[in-house]
Amino acid sequence: MKKSTEDLVREIDELKSELRQMKEIVGMLFNMVVDSETDDEEDFLGFPELGSGETPRFNT
């Protein structure tokens, strides 16, 4: 199956486009993981047994 130069150029352009899309997806997934880790750290605040060192105080 012999491809013309135009076909090869078109295929390369499509592959470049797909690669750009994959990079965007990986970037979004990376940001989600980093944000998730930050949220997890914030969830531990106020719980000394989990390492925050602060004692929760309740209004009585």
PDB file of N, CA and C in Angstrom:
ATOM      1  N   MET A   1       0.846  -1.169   0.000  1.00  0.00           N
ATOM      2  CA  MET A   1       0.000   0.000   0.000  1.00  0.00           C
ATOM      3  C   MET A   1       0.896   1.239   0.000  1.00  0.00           C
ATOM      4  N   LYS A   2       0.985   1.867  -1.105  1.00  0.00           N
ATOM      5  CA  LYS A   2       1.831   3.044  -1.259  1.00  0.00           C
ATOM      6  C   LYS A   2       0.993   4.302  -1.036  1.00  0.00           C
ATOM      7  N   LYS A   3       1.518   5.190  -0.194  1.00  0.00           N
ATOM      8  CA  LYS A   3       0.804   6.428   0.098  1.00  0.00           C
ATOM      9  C   LYS A   3       1.514   7.589  -0.576  1.00  0.00           C
ATOM     10  N   SER A   4       0.714   8.516  -1.022  1.00  0.00           N
ATOM     11  CA  SER A   4       1.289   9.708  -1.636  1.00  0.00           C
ATOM     12  C   SER A   4       1.797  10.648  -0.545  1.00  0.00           C
ATOM     13  N   THR A   5       2.582  11.602  -0.963  1.00  0.00           N
ATOM     14  CA  THR A   5       3.122  12.583  -0.025  1.00  0.00           C
ATOM     15  C   THR A   5       1.994  13.350   0.657  1.00  0.00           C
ATOM     16  N   GLU A   6       0.954  13.677  -0.094  1.00  0.00           N
ATOM     17  CA  GLU A   6      -0.182  14.408   0.481  1.00  0.00           C
ATOM     18  C   GLU A   6      -0.860  13.587   1.571  1.00  0.00           C
ATOM     19  N   ASP A   7      -1.020  12.286   1.318  1.00  0.00           N
ATOM     20  CA  ASP A   7      -1.631  11.409   2.318  1.00  0.00           C
ATOM     21  C   ASP A   7      -0.783  11.350   3.582  1.00  0.00           C
ATOM     22  N   LEU A   8       0.521  11.256   3.404  1.00  0.00           N
ATOM     23  CA  LEU A   8       1.418  11.200   4.555  1.00  0.00           C
ATOM     24  C   LEU A   8       1.388  12.500   5.348  1.00  0.00           C
ATOM     25  N   VAL A   9       1.366  13.630   4.652  1.00  0.00           N
ATOM     26  CA  VAL A   9       1.303  14.930   5.323  1.00  0.00           C
ATOM     27  C   VAL A   9      -0.008  15.044   6.100  1.00  0.00           C
ATOM     28  N   ARG A  10      -1.099  14.620   5.497  1.00  0.00           N
ATOM     29  CA  ARG A  10      -2.406  14.660   6.153  1.00  0.00           C
ATOM     30  C   ARG A  10      -2.399  13.773   7.406  1.00  0.00           C
ATOM     31  N   GLU A  11      -1.833  12.590   7.289  1.00  0.00           N
ATOM     32  CA  GLU A  11      -1.775  11.675   8.421  1.00  0.00           C
ATOM     33  C   GLU A  11      -0.904  12.239   9.550  1.00  0.00           C
ATOM     34  N   ILE A  12       0.210  12.860   9.191  1.00  0.00           N
ATOM     35  CA  ILE A  12       1.080  13.483  10.197  1.00  0.00           C
ATOM     36  C   ILE A  12       0.342  14.605  10.912  1.00  0.00           C
ATOM     37  N   ASP A  13      -0.402  15.412  10.166  1.00  0.00           N
ATOM     38  CA  ASP A  13      -1.174  16.495  10.781  1.00  0.00           C
ATOM     39  C   ASP A  13      -2.221  15.944  11.747  1.00  0.00           C
ATOM     40  N   GLU A  14      -2.881  14.856  11.360  1.00  0.00           N
ATOM     41  CA  GLU A  14      -3.876  14.233  12.237  1.00  0.00           C
ATOM     42  C   GLU A  14      -3.216  13.705  13.510  1.00  0.00           C
ATOM     43  N   LEU A  15      -2.052  13.094  13.359  1.00  0.00           N
ATOM     44  CA  LEU A  15      -1.335  12.570  14.519  1.00  0.00           C
ATOM     45  C   LEU A  15      -0.891  13.699  15.449  1.00  0.00           C
ATOM     46  N   LYS A  16      -0.453  14.816  14.871  1.00  0.00           N
ATOM     47  CA  LYS A  16      -0.069  15.973  15.690  1.00  0.00           C
ATOM     48  C   LYS A  16      -1.268  16.490  16.479  1.00  0.00           C
ATOM     49  N   SER A  17      -2.413  16.531  15.829  1.00  0.00           N
ATOM     50  CA  SER A  17      -3.630  16.989  16.491  1.00  0.00           C
ATOM     51  C   SER A  17      -4.011  16.048  17.634  1.00  0.00           C
ATOM     52  N   GLU A  18      -3.936  14.756  17.387  1.00  0.00           N
ATOM     53  CA  GLU A  18      -4.245  13.778  18.429  1.00  0.00           C
ATOM     54  C   GLU A  18      -3.266  13.900  19.594  1.00  0.00           C
ATOM     55  N   LEU A  19      -2.004  14.127  19.283  1.00  0.00           N
ATOM     56  CA  LEU A  19      -0.991  14.279  20.327  1.00  0.00           C
ATOM     57  C   LEU A  19      -1.283  15.507  21.186  1.00  0.00           C
ATOM     58  N   ARG A  20      -1.676  16.614  20.559  1.00  0.00           N
ATOM     59  CA  ARG A  20      -2.040  17.822  21.298  1.00  0.00           C
ATOM     60  C   ARG A  20      -3.206  17.546  22.243  1.00  0.00           C
ATOM     61  N   GLN A  21      -4.214  16.821  21.735  1.00  0.00           N
ATOM     62  CA  GLN A  21      -5.376  16.492  22.563  1.00  0.00           C
ATOM     63  C   GLN A  21      -4.973  15.619  23.749  1.00  0.00           C
ATOM     64  N   MET A  22      -4.101  14.650  23.507  1.00  0.00           N
ATOM     65  CA  MET A  22      -3.646  13.777  24.593  1.00  0.00           C
ATOM     66  C   MET A  22      -2.866  14.567  25.637  1.00  0.00           C
ATOM     67  N   LYS A  23      -2.039  15.514  25.183  1.00  0.00           N
ATOM     68  CA  LYS A  23      -1.291  16.349  26.129  1.00  0.00           C
ATOM     69  C   LYS A  23      -2.242  17.166  26.993  1.00  0.00           C
ATOM     70  N   GLU A  24      -3.302  17.695  26.390  1.00  0.00           N
ATOM     71  CA  GLU A  24      -4.288  18.459  27.147  1.00  0.00           C
ATOM     72  C   GLU A  24      -4.972  17.576  28.187  1.00  0.00           C
ATOM     73  N   ILE A  25      -5.329  16.360  27.791  1.00  0.00           N
ATOM     74  CA  ILE A  25      -5.987  15.431  28.712  1.00  0.00           C
ATOM     75  C   ILE A  25      -5.058  15.080  29.866  1.00  0.00           C
ATOM     76  N   VAL A  26      -3.802  14.780  29.550  1.00  0.00           N
ATOM     77  CA  VAL A  26      -2.832  14.447  30.601  1.00  0.00           C
ATOM     78  C   VAL A  26      -2.660  15.641  31.541  1.00  0.00           C
ATOM     79  N   GLY A  27      -2.599  16.836  30.990  1.00  0.00           N
ATOM     80  CA  GLY A  27      -2.476  18.038  31.815  1.00  0.00           C
ATOM     81  C   GLY A  27      -3.668  18.215  32.750  1.00  0.00           C
ATOM     82  N   MET A  28      -4.873  17.994  32.226  1.00  0.00           N
ATOM     83  CA  MET A  28      -6.065  18.107  33.062  1.00  0.00           C
ATOM     84  C   MET A  28      -6.069  17.048  34.157  1.00  0.00           C
ATOM     85  N   LEU A  29      -5.705  15.816  33.808  1.00  0.00           N
ATOM     86  CA  LEU A  29      -5.656  14.744  34.805  1.00  0.00           C
ATOM     87  C   LEU A  29      -4.619  15.052  35.879  1.00  0.00           C
ATOM     88  N   PHE A  30      -3.468  15.560  35.462  1.00  0.00           N
ATOM     89  CA  PHE A  30      -2.422  15.932  36.416  1.00  0.00           C
ATOM     90  C   PHE A  30      -2.941  16.992  37.386  1.00  0.00           C
ATOM     91  N   ASN A  31      -3.606  18.012  36.841  1.00  0.00           N
ATOM     92  CA  ASN A  31      -4.150  19.073  37.692  1.00  0.00           C
ATOM     93  C   ASN A  31      -5.194  18.528  38.659  1.00  0.00           C
ATOM     94  N   MET A  32      -6.010  17.575  38.198  1.00  0.00           N
ATOM     95  CA  MET A  32      -7.013  16.978  39.075  1.00  0.00           C
ATOM     96  C   MET A  32      -6.345  16.243  40.233  1.00  0.00           C
ATOM     97  N   VAL A  33      -5.275  15.518  39.946  1.00  0.00           N
ATOM     98  CA  VAL A  33      -4.572  14.772  40.992  1.00  0.00           C
ATOM     99  C   VAL A  33      -3.935  15.737  41.984  1.00  0.00           C
ATOM    100  N   VAL A  34      -3.280  16.775  41.487  1.00  0.00           N
ATOM    101  CA  VAL A  34      -2.632  17.749  42.367  1.00  0.00           C
ATOM    102  C   VAL A  34      -3.682  18.454  43.220  1.00  0.00           C
ATOM    103  N   ASP A  35      -4.791  18.865  42.616  1.00  0.00           N
ATOM    104  CA  ASP A  35      -5.861  19.520  43.368  1.00  0.00           C
ATOM    105  C   ASP A  35      -6.440  18.574  44.406  1.00  0.00           C
ATOM    106  N   SER A  36      -6.588  17.321  44.055  1.00  0.00           N
ATOM    107  CA  SER A  36      -7.133  16.317  44.973  1.00  0.00           C
ATOM    108  C   SER A  36      -6.222  16.147  46.177  1.00  0.00           C
ATOM    109  N   GLU A  37      -4.920  16.112  45.946  1.00  0.00           N
ATOM    110  CA  GLU A  37      -3.974  15.971  47.053  1.00  0.00           C
ATOM    111  C   GLU A  37      -4.034  17.189  47.962  1.00  0.00           C
ATOM    112  N   THR A  38      -4.185  18.366  47.404  1.00  0.00           N
ATOM    113  CA  THR A  38      -4.297  19.585  48.196  1.00  0.00           C
ATOM    114  C   THR A  38      -5.572  19.547  49.027  1.00  0.00           C
ATOM    115  N   ASP A  39      -6.680  19.121  48.422  1.00  0.00           N
ATOM    116  CA  ASP A  39      -7.946  19.015  49.142  1.00  0.00           C
ATOM    117  C   ASP A  39      -7.840  18.008  50.276  1.00  0.00           C
ATOM    118  N   ASP A  40      -7.163  16.892  50.042  1.00  0.00           N
ATOM    119  CA  ASP A  40      -7.002  15.872  51.078  1.00  0.00           C
ATOM    120  C   ASP A  40      -6.255  16.437  52.276  1.00  0.00           C
ATOM    121  N   GLU A  41      -5.227  17.237  52.030  1.00  0.00           N
ATOM    122  CA  GLU A  41      -4.469  17.838  53.123  1.00  0.00           C
ATOM    123  C   GLU A  41      -5.355  18.786  53.917  1.00  0.00           C
ATOM    124  N   GLU A  42      -6.198  19.547  53.235  1.00  0.00           N
ATOM    125  CA  GLU A  42      -7.082  20.482  53.916  1.00  0.00           C
ATOM    126  C   GLU A  42      -8.130  19.743  54.734  1.00  0.00           C
ATOM    127  N   ASP A  43      -8.555  18.566  54.303  1.00  0.00           N
ATOM    128  CA  ASP A  43      -9.542  17.780  55.034  1.00  0.00           C
ATOM    129  C   ASP A  43      -9.019  17.348  56.394  1.00  0.00           C
ATOM    130  N   PHE A  44      -7.698  17.215  56.550  1.00  0.00           N
ATOM    131  CA  PHE A  44      -7.121  16.748  57.799  1.00  0.00           C
ATOM    132  C   PHE A  44      -7.023  17.847  58.856  1.00  0.00           C
ATOM    133  N   LEU A  45      -7.189  19.099  58.471  1.00  0.00           N
ATOM    134  CA  LEU A  45      -7.078  20.185  59.441  1.00  0.00           C
ATOM    135  C   LEU A  45      -8.147  20.025  60.512  1.00  0.00           C
ATOM    136  N   GLY A  46      -7.749  20.234  61.753  1.00  0.00           N
ATOM    137  CA  GLY A  46      -8.699  20.132  62.845  1.00  0.00           C
ATOM    138  C   GLY A  46      -8.783  18.748  63.453  1.00  0.00           C
ATOM    139  N   PHE A  47      -8.001  17.810  62.967  1.00  0.00           N
ATOM    140  CA  PHE A  47      -7.991  16.458  63.503  1.00  0.00           C
ATOM    141  C   PHE A  47      -6.582  16.139  63.981  1.00  0.00           C
ATOM    142  N   PRO A  48      -6.298  16.362  65.281  1.00  0.00           N
ATOM    143  CA  PRO A  48      -4.935  16.187  65.783  1.00  0.00           C
ATOM    144  C   PRO A  48      -4.403  14.777  65.583  1.00  0.00           C
ATOM    145  N   GLU A  49      -5.268  13.786  65.636  1.00  0.00           N
ATOM    146  CA  GLU A  49      -4.803  12.418  65.455  1.00  0.00           C
ATOM    147  C   GLU A  49      -4.276  12.183  64.040  1.00  0.00           C
ATOM    148  N   LEU A  50      -4.589  13.102  63.148  1.00  0.00           N
ATOM    149  CA  LEU A  50      -4.103  12.976  61.775  1.00  0.00           C
ATOM    150  C   LEU A  50      -2.953  13.933  61.497  1.00  0.00           C
ATOM    151  N   GLY A  51      -2.477  14.618  62.529  1.00  0.00           N
ATOM    152  CA  GLY A  51      -1.246  15.371  62.354  1.00  0.00           C
ATOM    153  C   GLY A  51      -1.346  16.870  62.250  1.00  0.00           C
ATOM    154  N   SER A  52      -2.514  17.465  62.426  1.00  0.00           N
ATOM    155  CA  SER A  52      -2.577  18.925  62.296  1.00  0.00           C
ATOM    156  C   SER A  52      -2.059  19.622  63.542  1.00  0.00           C
ATOM    157  N   GLY A  53      -2.142  18.957  64.709  1.00  0.00           N
ATOM    158  CA  GLY A  53      -1.641  19.551  65.936  1.00  0.00           C
ATOM    159  C   GLY A  53      -2.610  20.513  66.590  1.00  0.00           C
ATOM    160  N   GLU A  54      -3.776  20.742  66.011  1.00  0.00           N
ATOM    161  CA  GLU A  54      -4.763  21.638  66.585  1.00  0.00           C
ATOM    162  C   GLU A  54      -5.907  20.820  67.170  1.00  0.00           C
ATOM    163  N   THR A  55      -6.410  21.284  68.328  1.00  0.00           N
ATOM    164  CA  THR A  55      -7.538  20.613  68.954  1.00  0.00           C
ATOM    165  C   THR A  55      -8.815  21.329  68.543  1.00  0.00           C
ATOM    166  N   PRO A  56      -9.798  20.595  68.016  1.00  0.00           N
ATOM    167  CA  PRO A  56     -11.056  21.250  67.647  1.00  0.00           C
ATOM    168  C   PRO A  56     -11.772  21.763  68.900  1.00  0.00           C
ATOM    169  N   ARG A  57     -12.378  22.931  68.802  1.00  0.00           N
ATOM    170  CA  ARG A  57     -13.106  23.506  69.932  1.00  0.00           C
ATOM    171  C   ARG A  57     -14.562  23.641  69.534  1.00  0.00           C
ATOM    172  N   PHE A  58     -15.422  23.261  70.460  1.00  0.00           N
ATOM    173  CA  PHE A  58     -16.854  23.335  70.204  1.00  0.00           C
ATOM    174  C   PHE A  58     -17.462  24.409  71.099  1.00  0.00           C
ATOM    175  N   ASN A  59     -18.438  25.122  70.585  1.00  0.00           N
ATOM    176  CA  ASN A  59     -19.142  26.115  71.395  1.00  0.00           C
ATOM    177  C   ASN A  59     -20.049  25.388  72.371  1.00  0.00           C
ATOM    178  N   THR A  60     -19.924  25.720  73.662  1.00  0.00           N
ATOM    179  CA  THR A  60     -20.773  25.058  74.664  1.00  0.00           C
ATOM    180  C   THR A  60     -21.584  26.058  75.434  1.00  0.00           C
TER     181      THR A  60
END
